[in-house]
PDB file of N, CA and C in Angstrom:
ATOM      1  N   MET A   1      80.043  93.780 118.326  1.00  0.00           N
ATOM      2  CA  MET A   1      81.424  95.188 118.526  1.00  0.00           C
ATOM      3  C   MET A   1      81.496  94.129 117.299  1.00  0.00           C
ATOM      4  N   LYS A   2      81.567  92.945 117.359  1.00  0.00           N
ATOM      5  CA  LYS A   2      83.212  92.634 116.358  1.00  0.00           C
ATOM      6  C   LYS A   2      82.721  93.193 115.118  1.00  0.00           C
ATOM      7  N   LYS A   3      81.503  93.888 114.545  1.00  0.00           N
ATOM      8  CA  LYS A   3      80.886  93.972 113.122  1.00  0.00           C
ATOM      9  C   LYS A   3      81.727  95.427 113.271  1.00  0.00           C
ATOM     10  N   PHE A   4      81.198  96.022 114.478  1.00  0.00           N
ATOM     11  CA  PHE A   4      81.802  97.590 114.493  1.00  0.00           C
ATOM     12  C   PHE A   4      83.060  97.806 114.405  1.00  0.00           C
ATOM     13  N   THR A   5      83.969  97.064 114.963  1.00  0.00           N
ATOM     14  CA  THR A   5      85.716  96.848 114.345  1.00  0.00           C
ATOM     15  C   THR A   5      85.994  96.791 112.740  1.00  0.00           C
ATOM     16  N   ARG A   6      85.356  95.458 112.902  1.00  0.00           N
ATOM     17  CA  ARG A   6      85.604  95.813 111.086  1.00  0.00           C
ATOM     18  C   ARG A   6      85.128  97.157 109.785  1.00  0.00           C
ATOM     19  N   TYR A   7      84.553  97.899 110.736  1.00  0.00           N
ATOM     20  CA  TYR A   7      84.368  98.644 109.856  1.00  0.00           C
ATOM     21  C   TYR A   7      84.914  99.269 109.649  1.00  0.00           C
ATOM     22  N   PHE A   8      85.386  99.837 111.537  1.00  0.00           N
ATOM     23  CA  PHE A   8      85.772 100.744 111.709  1.00  0.00           C
ATOM     24  C   PHE A   8      87.825 101.152 111.288  1.00  0.00           C
ATOM     25  N   LEU A   9      88.635  99.433 110.958  1.00  0.00           N
ATOM     26  CA  LEU A   9      88.911  99.164 110.735  1.00  0.00           C
ATOM     27  C   LEU A   9      89.547  99.186 108.878  1.00  0.00           C
ATOM     28  N   LEU A  10      87.918  99.447 108.162  1.00  0.00           N
ATOM     29  CA  LEU A  10      88.171  99.380 106.878  1.00  0.00           C
ATOM     30  C   LEU A  10      87.882 100.932 106.840  1.00  0.00           C
ATOM     31  N   HIS A  11      87.241 101.954 107.572  1.00  0.00           N
ATOM     32  CA  HIS A  11      86.845 103.462 107.559  1.00  0.00           C
ATOM     33  C   HIS A  11      87.872 103.678 107.507  1.00  0.00           C
ATOM     34  N   LEU A  12      88.768 103.631 108.485  1.00  0.00           N
ATOM     35  CA  LEU A  12      90.378 103.881 108.679  1.00  0.00           C
ATOM     36  C   LEU A  12      90.910 103.592 107.310  1.00  0.00           C
ATOM     37  N   ASN A  13      91.216 102.365 107.341  1.00  0.00           N
ATOM     38  CA  ASN A  13      92.271 102.643 105.876  1.00  0.00           C
ATOM     39  C   ASN A  13      91.908 103.085 104.730  1.00  0.00           C
ATOM     40  N   ILE A  14      90.750 103.344 104.552  1.00  0.00           N
ATOM     41  CA  ILE A  14      90.282 104.648 103.634  1.00  0.00           C
ATOM     42  C   ILE A  14      90.356 105.893 103.586  1.00  0.00           C
ATOM     43  N   MET A  15      90.466 105.936 104.734  1.00  0.00           N
ATOM     44  CA  MET A  15      90.971 107.643 105.225  1.00  0.00           C
ATOM     45  C   MET A  15      92.347 107.836 105.195  1.00  0.00           C
ATOM     46  N   LEU A  16      93.054 106.553 105.306  1.00  0.00           N
ATOM     47  CA  LEU A  16      94.648 106.482 105.400  1.00  0.00           C
ATOM     48  C   LEU A  16      94.718 106.796 104.123  1.00  0.00           C
ATOM     49  N   PHE A  17      94.009 106.351 102.772  1.00  0.00           N
ATOM     50  CA  PHE A  17      94.429 105.791 101.210  1.00  0.00           C
ATOM     51  C   PHE A  17      93.492 107.443 100.861  1.00  0.00           C
ATOM     52  N   SER A  18      93.327 108.237 101.524  1.00  0.00           N
ATOM     53  CA  SER A  18      93.039 109.682 100.818  1.00  0.00           C
ATOM     54  C   SER A  18      94.023 110.618 100.781  1.00  0.00           C
ATOM     55  N   PHE A  19      95.068 110.133 102.765  1.00  0.00           N
ATOM     56  CA  PHE A  19      96.009 111.342 102.003  1.00  0.00           C
ATOM     57  C   PHE A  19      97.068 111.018 101.397  1.00  0.00           C
ATOM     58  N   THR A  20      96.934 110.571 100.561  1.00  0.00           N
ATOM     59  CA  THR A  20      97.887 109.706  99.393  1.00  0.00           C
ATOM     60  C   THR A  20      97.648 111.721  98.100  1.00  0.00           C
ATOM     61  N   GLY A  21      96.073 111.649  97.992  1.00  0.00           N
ATOM     62  CA  GLY A  21      96.051 112.625  97.463  1.00  0.00           C
ATOM     63  C   GLY A  21      96.671 114.276  98.193  1.00  0.00           C
ATOM     64  N   VAL A  22      96.426 114.412  99.516  1.00  0.00           N
ATOM     65  CA  VAL A  22      97.006 115.521 100.374  1.00  0.00           C
ATOM     66  C   VAL A  22      98.711 115.051  99.938  1.00  0.00           C
ATOM     67  N   PHE A  23      99.344 114.410 100.318  1.00  0.00           N
ATOM     68  CA  PHE A  23     100.948 114.162 100.327  1.00  0.00           C
ATOM     69  C   PHE A  23     101.085 114.548  98.112  1.00  0.00           C
ATOM     70  N   SER A  24      99.568 114.168  97.427  1.00  0.00           N
ATOM     71  CA  SER A  24     100.499 114.892  96.276  1.00  0.00           C
ATOM     72  C   SER A  24     100.104 116.106  95.626  1.00  0.00           C
ATOM     73  N   LYS A  25      99.266 116.560  96.997  1.00  0.00           N
ATOM     74  CA  LYS A  25      99.248 118.200  95.694  1.00  0.00           C
ATOM     75  C   LYS A  25     100.518 118.499  96.719  1.00  0.00           C
ATOM     76  N   MET A  26     100.937 118.261  97.882  1.00  0.00           N
ATOM     77  CA  MET A  26     101.527 119.269  98.876  1.00  0.00           C
ATOM     78  C   MET A  26     102.856 119.163  97.932  1.00  0.00           C
ATOM     79  N   ALA A  27     103.663 117.562  97.201  1.00  0.00           N
ATOM     80  CA  ALA A  27     104.785 117.353  96.795  1.00  0.00           C
ATOM     81  C   ALA A  27     104.158 118.550  94.746  1.00  0.00           C
ATOM     82  N   SER A  28     103.056 118.479  94.456  1.00  0.00           N
ATOM     83  CA  SER A  28     102.808 119.854  93.773  1.00  0.00           C
ATOM     84  C   SER A  28     103.213 121.167  94.084  1.00  0.00           C
ATOM     85  N   ASN A  29     103.084 121.093  95.073  1.00  0.00           N
ATOM     86  CA  ASN A  29     103.074 122.685  95.857  1.00  0.00           C
ATOM     87  C   ASN A  29     104.615 122.754  95.549  1.00  0.00           C
ATOM     88  N   ALA A  30     105.197 121.679  96.720  1.00  0.00           N
ATOM     89  CA  ALA A  30     106.613 122.216  96.603  1.00  0.00           C
ATOM     90  C   ALA A  30     107.214 122.335  95.218  1.00  0.00           C
ATOM     91  N   TYR A  31     107.094 121.483  94.083  1.00  0.00           N
ATOM     92  CA  TYR A  31     107.505 121.364  92.830  1.00  0.00           C
ATOM     93  C   TYR A  31     107.340 123.100  92.477  1.00  0.00           C
ATOM     94  N   LYS A  32     106.090 123.543  92.376  1.00  0.00           N
ATOM     95  CA  LYS A  32     105.816 124.711  91.950  1.00  0.00           C
ATOM     96  C   LYS A  32     106.914 125.761  93.187  1.00  0.00           C
ATOM     97  N   GLU A  33     106.906 126.046  94.089  1.00  0.00           N
ATOM     98  CA  GLU A  33     107.938 126.616  94.542  1.00  0.00           C
ATOM     99  C   GLU A  33     108.748 126.751  94.677  1.00  0.00           C
ATOM    100  N   HIS A  34     109.178 125.637  94.805  1.00  0.00           N
ATOM    101  CA  HIS A  34     111.250 124.876  94.460  1.00  0.00           C
ATOM    102  C   HIS A  34     111.916 124.339  93.181  1.00  0.00           C
ATOM    103  N   GLY A  35     110.757 123.826  92.952  1.00  0.00           N
ATOM    104  CA  GLY A  35     111.752 122.905  91.240  1.00  0.00           C
ATOM    105  C   GLY A  35     111.580 121.565  92.113  1.00  0.00           C
ATOM    106  N   LEU A  36     111.781 120.269  90.825  1.00  0.00           N
ATOM    107  CA  LEU A  36     112.209 119.039  91.518  1.00  0.00           C
ATOM    108  C   LEU A  36     112.726 118.554  91.978  1.00  0.00           C
ATOM    109  N   PHE A  37     114.279 119.038  92.116  1.00  0.00           N
ATOM    110  CA  PHE A  37     115.425 118.603  93.406  1.00  0.00           C
ATOM    111  C   PHE A  37     115.532 119.343  94.648  1.00  0.00           C
ATOM    112  N   HIS A  38     114.028 119.431  94.852  1.00  0.00           N
ATOM    113  CA  HIS A  38     114.323 120.377  96.659  1.00  0.00           C
ATOM    114  C   HIS A  38     113.575 119.201  97.320  1.00  0.00           C
ATOM    115  N   PRO A  39     114.497 118.635  98.803  1.00  0.00           N
ATOM    116  CA  PRO A  39     114.241 118.095  99.212  1.00  0.00           C
ATOM    117  C   PRO A  39     112.590 117.702 100.236  1.00  0.00           C
ATOM    118  N   THR A  40     111.762 119.154 100.076  1.00  0.00           N
ATOM    119  CA  THR A  40     110.797 119.510  99.991  1.00  0.00           C
ATOM    120  C   THR A  40     109.618 118.323  99.528  1.00  0.00           C
ATOM    121  N   PHE A  41     110.144 118.497  97.952  1.00  0.00           N
ATOM    122  CA  PHE A  41     109.136 117.351  96.766  1.00  0.00           C
ATOM    123  C   PHE A  41     109.268 116.208  97.456  1.00  0.00           C
ATOM    124  N   PHE A  42     111.205 115.600  97.618  1.00  0.00           N
ATOM    125  CA  PHE A  42     111.201 114.480  97.417  1.00  0.00           C
ATOM    126  C   PHE A  42     110.092 113.684  98.754  1.00  0.00           C
ATOM    127  N   PHE A  43     110.259 114.809  99.907  1.00  0.00           N
ATOM    128  CA  PHE A  43     109.785 114.166 100.855  1.00  0.00           C
ATOM    129  C   PHE A  43     108.245 113.711 100.837  1.00  0.00           C
ATOM    130  N   PHE A  44     107.745 114.738 100.566  1.00  0.00           N
ATOM    131  CA  PHE A  44     106.289 114.623  99.847  1.00  0.00           C
ATOM    132  C   PHE A  44     105.658 113.034  99.074  1.00  0.00           C
ATOM    133  N   VAL A  45     106.533 113.232  97.601  1.00  0.00           N
ATOM    134  CA  VAL A  45     106.437 111.475  97.076  1.00  0.00           C
ATOM    135  C   VAL A  45     106.929 111.001  97.818  1.00  0.00           C
ATOM    136  N   PHE A  46     107.611 110.692  98.545  1.00  0.00           N
ATOM    137  CA  PHE A  46     108.515 109.619  99.110  1.00  0.00           C
ATOM    138  C   PHE A  46     106.383 109.531 100.416  1.00  0.00           C
ATOM    139  N   LEU A  47     105.845 110.017 100.730  1.00  0.00           N
ATOM    140  CA  LEU A  47     105.211 109.974 101.375  1.00  0.00           C
ATOM    141  C   LEU A  47     104.068 109.526 100.827  1.00  0.00           C
ATOM    142  N   MET A  48     104.215 109.768  99.913  1.00  0.00           N
ATOM    143  CA  MET A  48     102.464 109.182  99.076  1.00  0.00           C
ATOM    144  C   MET A  48     102.778 108.105  98.497  1.00  0.00           C
ATOM    145  N   PHE A  49     103.920 107.600  98.272  1.00  0.00           N
ATOM    146  CA  PHE A  49     104.503 105.954  97.784  1.00  0.00           C
ATOM    147  C   PHE A  49     104.201 104.973  99.030  1.00  0.00           C
ATOM    148  N   LEU A  50     104.892 106.159 100.495  1.00  0.00           N
ATOM    149  CA  LEU A  50     105.010 104.853 101.344  1.00  0.00           C
ATOM    150  C   LEU A  50     102.847 104.802 102.513  1.00  0.00           C
ATOM    151  N   ASN A  51     102.074 105.952 102.422  1.00  0.00           N
ATOM    152  CA  ASN A  51     101.213 105.975 102.113  1.00  0.00           C
ATOM    153  C   ASN A  51     100.381 104.453 101.227  1.00  0.00           C
ATOM    154  N   CYS A  52     100.686 104.644 100.025  1.00  0.00           N
ATOM    155  CA  CYS A  52      99.894 103.923  98.738  1.00  0.00           C
ATOM    156  C   CYS A  52     100.484 102.152  99.721  1.00  0.00           C
ATOM    157  N   ALA A  53     101.401 101.821  99.765  1.00  0.00           N
ATOM    158  CA  ALA A  53     101.836 100.568 100.278  1.00  0.00           C
ATOM    159  C   ALA A  53     101.523  99.960 101.900  1.00  0.00           C
ATOM    160  N   VAL A  54     101.259 101.108 102.803  1.00  0.00           N
ATOM    161  CA  VAL A  54     100.508 100.787 103.738  1.00  0.00           C
ATOM    162  C   VAL A  54      99.570 100.644 104.018  1.00  0.00           C
ATOM    163  N   TYR A  55      98.405 101.175 103.008  1.00  0.00           N
ATOM    164  CA  TYR A  55      97.785 101.002 101.840  1.00  0.00           C
ATOM    165  C   TYR A  55      97.363  99.777 101.364  1.00  0.00           C
ATOM    166  N   ALA A  56      98.221  99.484 100.685  1.00  0.00           N
ATOM    167  CA  ALA A  56      98.074  98.086  99.965  1.00  0.00           C
ATOM    168  C   ALA A  56      97.845  96.928 100.927  1.00  0.00           C
ATOM    169  N   VAL A  57      99.090  97.439 101.394  1.00  0.00           N
ATOM    170  CA  VAL A  57      98.542  96.019 102.257  1.00  0.00           C
ATOM    171  C   VAL A  57      97.581  95.848 103.504  1.00  0.00           C
ATOM    172  N   ALA A  58      97.166  96.842 103.965  1.00  0.00           N
ATOM    173  CA  ALA A  58      96.347  96.717 104.793  1.00  0.00           C
ATOM    174  C   ALA A  58      94.797  96.494 104.244  1.00  0.00           C
ATOM    175  N   TRP A  59      94.707  97.297 102.921  1.00  0.00           N
ATOM    176  CA  TRP A  59      93.595  96.735 102.237  1.00  0.00           C
ATOM    177  C   TRP A  59      93.459  95.060 101.825  1.00  0.00           C
ATOM    178  N   GLN A  60      94.293  94.562 101.292  1.00  0.00           N
ATOM    179  CA  GLN A  60      94.232  93.271 101.483  1.00  0.00           C
ATOM    180  C   GLN A  60      93.860  92.747 102.277  1.00  0.00           C
ATOM    181  N   LYS A  61      94.410  92.664 103.833  1.00  0.00           N
ATOM    182  CA  LYS A  61      93.969  92.707 104.953  1.00  0.00           C
ATOM    183  C   LYS A  61      92.330  92.023 105.274  1.00  0.00           C
ATOM    184  N   ILE A  62      92.036  94.053 105.031  1.00  0.00           N
ATOM    185  CA  ILE A  62      90.669  94.106 105.858  1.00  0.00           C
ATOM    186  C   ILE A  62      89.268  93.531 104.938  1.00  0.00           C
ATOM    187  N   ILE A  63      89.995  93.523 103.374  1.00  0.00           N
ATOM    188  CA  ILE A  63      88.554  93.156 102.070  1.00  0.00           C
ATOM    189  C   ILE A  63      88.710  91.091 102.227  1.00  0.00           C
ATOM    190  N   LYS A  64      89.238  90.134 103.084  1.00  0.00           N
ATOM    191  CA  LYS A  64      89.393  89.537 103.418  1.00  0.00           C
ATOM    192  C   LYS A  64      87.625  89.342 104.652  1.00  0.00           C
ATOM    193  N   ARG A  65      87.536  90.131 104.792  1.00  0.00           N
ATOM    194  CA  ARG A  65      86.075  89.997 106.033  1.00  0.00           C
ATOM    195  C   ARG A  65      84.595  90.664 105.523  1.00  0.00           C
ATOM    196  N   PHE A  66      85.127  91.119 104.206  1.00  0.00           N
ATOM    197  CA  PHE A  66      84.313  91.601 103.329  1.00  0.00           C
ATOM    198  C   PHE A  66      83.589  91.034 102.292  1.00  0.00           C
ATOM    199  N   PRO A  67      82.938  91.242 101.594  1.00  0.00           N
ATOM    200  CA  PRO A  67      82.247  91.453 100.556  1.00  0.00           C
ATOM    201  C   PRO A  67      82.655  91.363  99.628  1.00  0.00           C
ATOM    202  N   LEU A  68      83.238  91.614  98.587  1.00  0.00           N
ATOM    203  CA  LEU A  68      83.370  92.753  97.488  1.00  0.00           C
ATOM    204  C   LEU A  68      82.943  93.590  97.106  1.00  0.00           C
ATOM    205  N   SER A  69      81.726  93.305  97.312  1.00  0.00           N
ATOM    206  CA  SER A  69      80.875  94.564  96.648  1.00  0.00           C
ATOM    207  C   SER A  69      80.459  96.041  98.063  1.00  0.00           C
ATOM    208  N   VAL A  70      80.774  94.924  98.734  1.00  0.00           N
ATOM    209  CA  VAL A  70      80.895  95.731 100.613  1.00  0.00           C
ATOM    210  C   VAL A  70      81.805  97.006 100.192  1.00  0.00           C
ATOM    211  N   ALA A  71      83.264  95.900 100.343  1.00  0.00           N
ATOM    212  CA  ALA A  71      84.118  96.798 100.524  1.00  0.00           C
ATOM    213  C   ALA A  71      84.209  98.256  99.176  1.00  0.00           C
ATOM    214  N   TYR A  72      84.000  97.754  98.650  1.00  0.00           N
ATOM    215  CA  TYR A  72      83.953  98.581  97.332  1.00  0.00           C
ATOM    216  C   TYR A  72      83.296 100.115  97.496  1.00  0.00           C
ATOM    217  N   ALA A  73      81.761  99.394  97.407  1.00  0.00           N
ATOM    218  CA  ALA A  73      80.835 100.453  98.302  1.00  0.00           C
ATOM    219  C   ALA A  73      81.630 102.022  99.390  1.00  0.00           C
ATOM    220  N   ASN A  74      82.197 100.878  99.959  1.00  0.00           N
ATOM    221  CA  ASN A  74      82.052 102.182 101.271  1.00  0.00           C
ATOM    222  C   ASN A  74      83.717 102.587 101.230  1.00  0.00           C
ATOM    223  N   ARG A  75      84.425 101.711  99.847  1.00  0.00           N
ATOM    224  CA  ARG A  75      85.619 103.215  98.916  1.00  0.00           C
ATOM    225  C   ARG A  75      85.243 103.789  98.520  1.00  0.00           C
ATOM    226  N   SER A  76      84.209 104.311  98.337  1.00  0.00           N
ATOM    227  CA  SER A  76      83.347 105.227  97.137  1.00  0.00           C
ATOM    228  C   SER A  76      83.480 106.741  98.993  1.00  0.00           C
ATOM    229  N   VAL A  77      84.005 106.916 100.152  1.00  0.00           N
ATOM    230  CA  VAL A  77      84.154 107.524 100.727  1.00  0.00           C
ATOM    231  C   VAL A  77      85.379 108.533 100.650  1.00  0.00           C
ATOM    232  N   TYR A  78      85.604 107.708  99.835  1.00  0.00           N
ATOM    233  CA  TYR A  78      86.979 108.311  99.495  1.00  0.00           C
ATOM    234  C   TYR A  78      86.962 110.088  98.989  1.00  0.00           C
ATOM    235  N   LEU A  79      86.173 109.675  99.208  1.00  0.00           N
ATOM    236  CA  LEU A  79      85.788 111.191  98.263  1.00  0.00           C
ATOM    237  C   LEU A  79      85.036 111.805  99.286  1.00  0.00           C
ATOM    238  N   ILE A  80      84.139 111.121 100.100  1.00  0.00           N
ATOM    239  CA  ILE A  80      84.220 112.613 101.812  1.00  0.00           C
ATOM    240  C   ILE A  80      85.068 112.989 102.142  1.00  0.00           C
ATOM    241  N   TRP A  81      86.521 112.100 102.770  1.00  0.00           N
ATOM    242  CA  TRP A  81      87.607 112.554 103.058  1.00  0.00           C
ATOM    243  C   TRP A  81      88.143 113.150 102.366  1.00  0.00           C
ATOM    244  N   SER A  82      88.578 112.908 100.975  1.00  0.00           N
ATOM    245  CA  SER A  82      88.895 114.124 100.003  1.00  0.00           C
ATOM    246  C   SER A  82      88.718 115.695  99.328  1.00  0.00           C
ATOM    247  N   GLN A  83      87.072 115.669 100.387  1.00  0.00           N
ATOM    248  CA  GLN A  83      87.039 116.608 100.085  1.00  0.00           C
ATOM    249  C   GLN A  83      86.831 117.101 101.938  1.00  0.00           C
ATOM    250  N   LEU A  84      86.900 116.983 102.952  1.00  0.00           N
ATOM    251  CA  LEU A  84      87.128 116.916 103.925  1.00  0.00           C
ATOM    252  C   LEU A  84      89.034 117.839 104.274  1.00  0.00           C
ATOM    253  N   TRP A  85      89.636 117.212 103.311  1.00  0.00           N
ATOM    254  CA  TRP A  85      91.411 117.704 103.762  1.00  0.00           C
ATOM    255  C   TRP A  85      91.020 118.805 102.559  1.00  0.00           C
ATOM    256  N   ALA A  86      90.571 118.583 101.710  1.00  0.00           N
ATOM    257  CA  ALA A  86      90.518 120.529 100.298  1.00  0.00           C
ATOM    258  C   ALA A  86      89.853 120.953 101.717  1.00  0.00           C
ATOM    259  N   VAL A  87      89.227 120.833 102.413  1.00  0.00           N
ATOM    260  CA  VAL A  87      88.643 122.105 103.143  1.00  0.00           C
ATOM    261  C   VAL A  87      89.126 122.639 104.401  1.00  0.00           C
ATOM    262  N   PHE A  88      89.801 121.104 105.630  1.00  0.00           N
ATOM    263  CA  PHE A  88      90.479 121.644 105.762  1.00  0.00           C
ATOM    264  C   PHE A  88      91.716 121.741 105.942  1.00  0.00           C
ATOM    265  N   ILE A  89      92.515 121.633 105.318  1.00  0.00           N
ATOM    266  CA  ILE A  89      93.952 121.643 104.825  1.00  0.00           C
ATOM    267  C   ILE A  89      94.197 122.757 103.950  1.00  0.00           C
ATOM    268  N   PHE A  90      93.548 122.587 103.239  1.00  0.00           N
ATOM    269  CA  PHE A  90      94.352 123.461 102.209  1.00  0.00           C
ATOM    270  C   PHE A  90      92.882 124.412 101.896  1.00  0.00           C
ATOM    271  N   HIS A  91      92.301 124.711 102.412  1.00  0.00           N
ATOM    272  CA  HIS A  91      91.631 125.898 102.777  1.00  0.00           C
ATOM    273  C   HIS A  91      91.114 126.363 101.236  1.00  0.00           C
ATOM    274  N   GLU A  92      90.252 124.925 101.086  1.00  0.00           N
ATOM    275  CA  GLU A  92      88.732 124.597  99.924  1.00  0.00           C
ATOM    276  C   GLU A  92      87.441 125.377  99.861  1.00  0.00           C
ATOM    277  N   ASN A  93      86.929 126.330  99.305  1.00  0.00           N
ATOM    278  CA  ASN A  93      85.250 125.628  99.584  1.00  0.00           C
ATOM    279  C   ASN A  93      84.519 124.922  98.571  1.00  0.00           C
ATOM    280  N   LEU A  94      83.899 124.364  99.513  1.00  0.00           N
ATOM    281  CA  LEU A  94      82.704 123.579  99.117  1.00  0.00           C
ATOM    282  C   LEU A  94      81.655 124.250  98.231  1.00  0.00           C
ATOM    283  N   SER A  95      81.469 123.371  97.251  1.00  0.00           N
ATOM    284  CA  SER A  95      80.036 124.161  96.194  1.00  0.00           C
ATOM    285  C   SER A  95      79.031 123.504  97.178  1.00  0.00           C
ATOM    286  N   VAL A  96      77.765 124.129  96.199  1.00  0.00           N
ATOM    287  CA  VAL A  96      76.562 122.984  96.351  1.00  0.00           C
ATOM    288  C   VAL A  96      76.864 121.278  96.037  1.00  0.00           C
ATOM    289  N   GLN A  97      77.219 121.608  94.604  1.00  0.00           N
ATOM    290  CA  GLN A  97      77.211 120.463  94.248  1.00  0.00           C
ATOM    291  C   GLN A  97      77.907 119.160  94.708  1.00  0.00           C
ATOM    292  N   ASN A  98      79.412 119.893  95.118  1.00  0.00           N
ATOM    293  CA  ASN A  98      80.540 118.982  95.999  1.00  0.00           C
ATOM    294  C   ASN A  98      79.148 118.385  97.424  1.00  0.00           C
ATOM    295  N   ILE A  99      78.683 119.715  98.153  1.00  0.00           N
ATOM    296  CA  ILE A  99      77.552 118.626  99.038  1.00  0.00           C
ATOM    297  C   ILE A  99      76.402 117.541  98.513  1.00  0.00           C
ATOM    298  N   ILE A 100      75.663 118.329  97.501  1.00  0.00           N
ATOM    299  CA  ILE A 100      75.051 117.223  96.914  1.00  0.00           C
ATOM    300  C   ILE A 100      75.249 115.699  96.523  1.00  0.00           C
ATOM    301  N   GLY A 101      77.139 115.597  96.381  1.00  0.00           N
ATOM    302  CA  GLY A 101      77.703 114.671  95.616  1.00  0.00           C
ATOM    303  C   GLY A 101      77.456 113.818  96.734  1.00  0.00           C
ATOM    304  N   MET A 102      78.522 114.477  97.885  1.00  0.00           N
ATOM    305  CA  MET A 102      79.171 113.749  99.267  1.00  0.00           C
ATOM    306  C   MET A 102      77.516 112.746  99.818  1.00  0.00           C
ATOM    307  N   THR A 103      76.075 113.814 100.000  1.00  0.00           N
ATOM    308  CA  THR A 103      75.079 113.791  99.927  1.00  0.00           C
ATOM    309  C   THR A 103      74.616 112.017  99.334  1.00  0.00           C
ATOM    310  N   VAL A 104      74.958 112.331  98.312  1.00  0.00           N
ATOM    311  CA  VAL A 104      73.996 111.010  97.868  1.00  0.00           C
ATOM    312  C   VAL A 104      75.143 109.547  97.725  1.00  0.00           C
ATOM    313  N   LEU A 105      76.497 109.719  97.660  1.00  0.00           N
ATOM    314  CA  LEU A 105      77.209 108.686  97.919  1.00  0.00           C
ATOM    315  C   LEU A 105      76.838 108.003  99.338  1.00  0.00           C
ATOM    316  N   PHE A 106      77.020 109.407 100.412  1.00  0.00           N
ATOM    317  CA  PHE A 106      76.661 108.667 101.928  1.00  0.00           C
ATOM    318  C   PHE A 106      75.423 107.726 101.467  1.00  0.00           C
ATOM    319  N   ILE A 107      74.481 108.504 100.650  1.00  0.00           N
ATOM    320  CA  ILE A 107      73.195 107.315 100.504  1.00  0.00           C
ATOM    321  C   ILE A 107      73.589 106.013 100.170  1.00  0.00           C
ATOM    322  N   GLY A 108      73.844 105.797  99.259  1.00  0.00           N
ATOM    323  CA  GLY A 108      74.551 104.934  98.296  1.00  0.00           C
ATOM    324  C   GLY A 108      75.009 103.919  99.439  1.00  0.00           C
ATOM    325  N   VAL A 109      76.097 104.203  99.946  1.00  0.00           N
ATOM    326  CA  VAL A 109      77.157 103.056 100.642  1.00  0.00           C
ATOM    327  C   VAL A 109      76.019 102.691 102.286  1.00  0.00           C
ATOM    328  N   LEU A 110      75.202 103.588 102.395  1.00  0.00           N
ATOM    329  CA  LEU A 110      73.752 103.407 103.714  1.00  0.00           C
ATOM    330  C   LEU A 110      73.395 101.991 103.467  1.00  0.00           C
ATOM    331  N   ILE A 111      72.585 102.421 101.743  1.00  0.00           N
ATOM    332  CA  ILE A 111      72.197 101.331 101.542  1.00  0.00           C
ATOM    333  C   ILE A 111      72.683  99.747 101.341  1.00  0.00           C
ATOM    334  N   VAL A 112      73.922 100.121 101.021  1.00  0.00           N
ATOM    335  CA  VAL A 112      74.817  99.061 100.402  1.00  0.00           C
ATOM    336  C   VAL A 112      74.663  98.014 102.330  1.00  0.00           C
ATOM    337  N   GLN A 113      75.129  99.149 102.607  1.00  0.00           N
ATOM    338  CA  GLN A 113      75.082  98.501 104.160  1.00  0.00           C
ATOM    339  C   GLN A 113      73.749  97.907 104.377  1.00  0.00           C
ATOM    340  N   THR A 114      72.891  98.256 104.396  1.00  0.00           N
ATOM    341  CA  THR A 114      71.537  98.294 104.892  1.00  0.00           C
ATOM    342  C   THR A 114      71.143  96.292 103.795  1.00  0.00           C
ATOM    343  N   ALA A 115      71.744  96.828 102.678  1.00  0.00           N
ATOM    344  CA  ALA A 115      71.583  94.894 102.330  1.00  0.00           C
ATOM    345  C   ALA A 115      72.240  94.475 102.488  1.00  0.00           C
ATOM    346  N   GLU A 116      73.752  94.620 102.965  1.00  0.00           N
ATOM    347  CA  GLU A 116      74.619  93.746 103.424  1.00  0.00           C
ATOM    348  C   GLU A 116      74.030  92.780 104.838  1.00  0.00           C
ATOM    349  N   SER A 117      73.760  94.136 106.065  1.00  0.00           N
ATOM    350  CA  SER A 117      73.272  93.566 106.994  1.00  0.00           C
ATOM    351  C   SER A 117      71.719  92.828 106.325  1.00  0.00           C
ATOM    352  N   GLN A 118      71.049  92.417 105.891  1.00  0.00           N
ATOM    353  CA  GLN A 118      69.645  91.736 106.213  1.00  0.00           C
ATOM    354  C   GLN A 118      70.150  90.120 105.481  1.00  0.00           C
TER     355      GLN A 118
END
């Protein structure tokens, strides 16, 4: 159960970091719609920086519990989260190449996990 909790916190933190891209795109959209000095633009930029700060502190706490190779291999799951947000929040389409890439990435993380547990 302790191992599950460690990995859950690691992936929760990675998911949190993936929202930086969401806030960045929302800031970009706000800039495109309203211009540089609109409160919406500043709000999303603030959320982006706040998210990065929270992630950085949490990441430092979490990686103490893992070998660096495992932590950084799992960090690549960020790309999967980013693709999910692109589809569900921004209504973008996934291509076959995206799905193949995410599958290869996921298999790579599983290989690192298997090697770590042996």
